[in-house]
Amino acid sequence: MAAMGIGIDLVDISRIERALQRRPRLARRLFTEAEIEYAAARRRPARHLAARFAAKEAVVKALGLGRGASMREIEVVAGAPPSIRLHDEAARIAGEGGLEVKVSLSHEREVAAAVAIAEAI
């Protein structure tokens, strides 16, 4: 498969923690129910949500979606390795381009990172 796009993003975990504390409804605007449930079952949920946010931003870049993309259209599915499930407009754009997206996530104490590659299928 030939890579058609690549994206990377880095997120300060404490920034996500503060944003979610200030605006509790923000999580429901950015993440799917499955993503929220996955993170809630972990010791430090914001760390896992930050990694998912980084992945969503990386996917936006890899697919060239632009700033109008809804973050809930990009879902990080837990697993080893994690995978991406696209919905609505993001799924349509990837489908029209014949693309699938692969992602890699990482986090340390205060930083979460993700790389996404959009490949022709």
Protein backbone atom coordinates (compact mmCIF):
# COMPACT_ATOMS: atom_id res chain seq x y z
CA MET A 1 0.00 0.00 0.00
CA ALA A 2 1.24 3.45 -0.83
CA ALA A 3 0.92 6.18 1.80
CA MET A 4 -1.40 8.93 0.62
CA GLY A 5 -1.20 11.20 3.64
CA ILE A 6 0.46 11.47 7.02
CA GLY A 7 -0.44 13.42 10.13
CA ILE A 8 1.11 13.89 13.54
CA ASP A 9 -0.05 15.67 16.67
CA LEU A 10 1.26 16.29 20.16
CA VAL A 11 -1.00 17.25 23.10
CA ASP A 12 -0.27 18.54 26.60
CA ILE A 13 -2.30 16.18 28.82
CA SER A 14 -2.80 18.75 31.59
CA ARG A 15 -4.28 21.16 29.02
CA ILE A 16 -6.92 18.56 28.15
CA GLU A 17 -7.55 17.86 31.86
CA ARG A 18 -8.11 21.58 32.54
CA ALA A 19 -10.36 22.02 29.51
CA LEU A 20 -12.52 19.05 30.53
CA GLN A 21 -12.77 20.33 34.12
CA ARG A 22 -13.80 23.82 32.98
CA ARG A 23 -16.23 22.55 30.33
CA PRO A 24 -17.59 19.12 31.32
CA ARG A 25 -19.73 18.84 28.17
CA LEU A 26 -16.64 19.20 25.98
CA ALA A 27 -15.92 15.46 26.18
CA ARG A 28 -19.27 14.65 24.54
CA ARG A 29 -18.52 17.11 21.73
CA LEU A 30 -15.10 15.62 20.98
CA PHE A 31 -15.35 11.93 21.80
CA THR A 32 -17.71 9.05 21.11
CA GLU A 33 -19.41 7.19 23.95
CA ALA A 34 -17.04 4.24 23.47
CA GLU A 35 -13.99 6.51 23.75
CA ILE A 36 -15.33 8.15 26.91
CA GLU A 37 -16.15 4.77 28.48
CA TYR A 38 -12.69 3.42 27.62
CA ALA A 39 -10.95 6.41 29.21
CA ALA A 40 -13.24 6.43 32.27
CA ALA A 41 -12.13 2.88 33.10
CA ARG A 42 -8.50 4.02 33.32
CA ARG A 43 -6.64 5.53 36.27
CA ARG A 44 -6.08 8.89 34.57
CA PRO A 45 -8.87 9.29 31.99
CA ALA A 46 -7.59 12.57 30.56
CA ARG A 47 -4.33 10.90 29.52
CA HIS A 48 -6.27 8.50 27.29
CA LEU A 49 -8.60 11.20 25.99
CA ALA A 50 -5.58 13.38 25.17
CA ALA A 51 -4.05 10.54 23.14
CA ARG A 52 -7.35 10.13 21.31
CA PHE A 53 -7.56 13.86 20.67
CA ALA A 54 -4.02 13.77 19.23
CA ALA A 55 -5.05 10.84 17.03
CA LYS A 56 -8.10 12.70 15.76
CA GLU A 57 -5.97 15.73 14.88
CA ALA A 58 -3.43 13.47 13.15
CA VAL A 59 -6.22 11.83 11.11
CA VAL A 60 -7.57 15.24 10.09
CA LYS A 61 -4.10 16.08 8.77
CA ALA A 62 -3.55 12.70 7.08
CA LEU A 63 -6.88 12.89 5.24
CA GLY A 64 -6.67 16.64 4.58
CA LEU A 65 -10.09 17.17 6.18
CA GLY A 66 -9.51 20.76 7.23
CA ARG A 67 -10.85 22.58 10.25
CA GLY A 68 -14.51 21.85 9.55
CA ALA A 69 -14.26 18.18 10.48
CA SER A 70 -16.16 17.02 13.54
CA MET A 71 -13.93 15.18 15.97
CA ARG A 72 -16.75 12.71 16.70
CA GLU A 73 -16.55 11.58 13.04
CA ILE A 74 -13.14 10.11 13.87
CA GLU A 75 -13.27 7.34 16.47
CA VAL A 76 -10.26 5.66 18.04
CA VAL A 77 -11.10 2.02 18.67
CA ALA A 78 -9.17 0.49 21.57
CA GLY A 79 -7.05 -2.52 20.77
CA ALA A 80 -3.52 -3.63 20.13
CA PRO A 81 -2.93 -1.83 17.90
CA PRO A 82 -5.67 0.78 18.15
CA SER A 83 -7.63 1.43 14.97
CA ILE A 84 -9.65 4.24 13.45
CA ARG A 85 -13.35 4.07 12.61
CA LEU A 86 -14.60 6.94 10.46
CA HIS A 87 -18.16 8.21 10.41
CA ASP A 88 -20.26 10.55 8.26
CA GLU A 89 -18.30 13.12 6.23
CA ALA A 90 -14.88 11.74 7.23
CA ALA A 91 -15.93 8.25 6.10
CA ARG A 92 -17.27 9.64 2.83
CA ILE A 93 -14.05 11.53 2.07
CA ALA A 94 -11.84 8.53 2.89
CA GLY A 95 -14.10 6.23 0.87
CA GLU A 96 -14.05 8.49 -2.18
CA GLY A 97 -10.27 8.59 -1.99
CA GLY A 98 -10.03 4.83 -1.51
CA LEU A 99 -8.19 5.39 1.77
CA GLU A 100 -7.94 3.64 5.10
CA VAL A 101 -6.25 5.15 8.13
CA LYS A 102 -3.80 3.53 10.51
CA VAL A 103 -2.78 5.17 13.76
CA SER A 104 -0.18 4.89 16.48
CA LEU A 105 -0.68 6.47 19.92
CA SER A 106 1.74 7.19 22.73
CA HIS A 107 1.64 9.02 26.04
CA GLU A 108 4.00 9.85 28.83
CA ARG A 109 3.33 11.73 32.06
CA GLU A 110 2.36 15.04 30.51
CA VAL A 111 2.37 14.54 26.74
CA ALA A 112 0.28 12.45 24.38
CA ALA A 113 1.17 11.93 20.73
CA ALA A 114 -0.26 10.24 17.67
CA VAL A 115 0.73 9.54 14.10
CA ALA A 116 -1.81 8.69 11.40
CA ILE A 117 -1.16 7.34 7.92
CA ALA A 118 -3.81 7.32 5.22
CA GLU A 119 -3.14 4.52 2.72
CA ALA A 120 -4.76 3.48 -0.51
CA ILE A 121 -6.76 0.28 -0.11
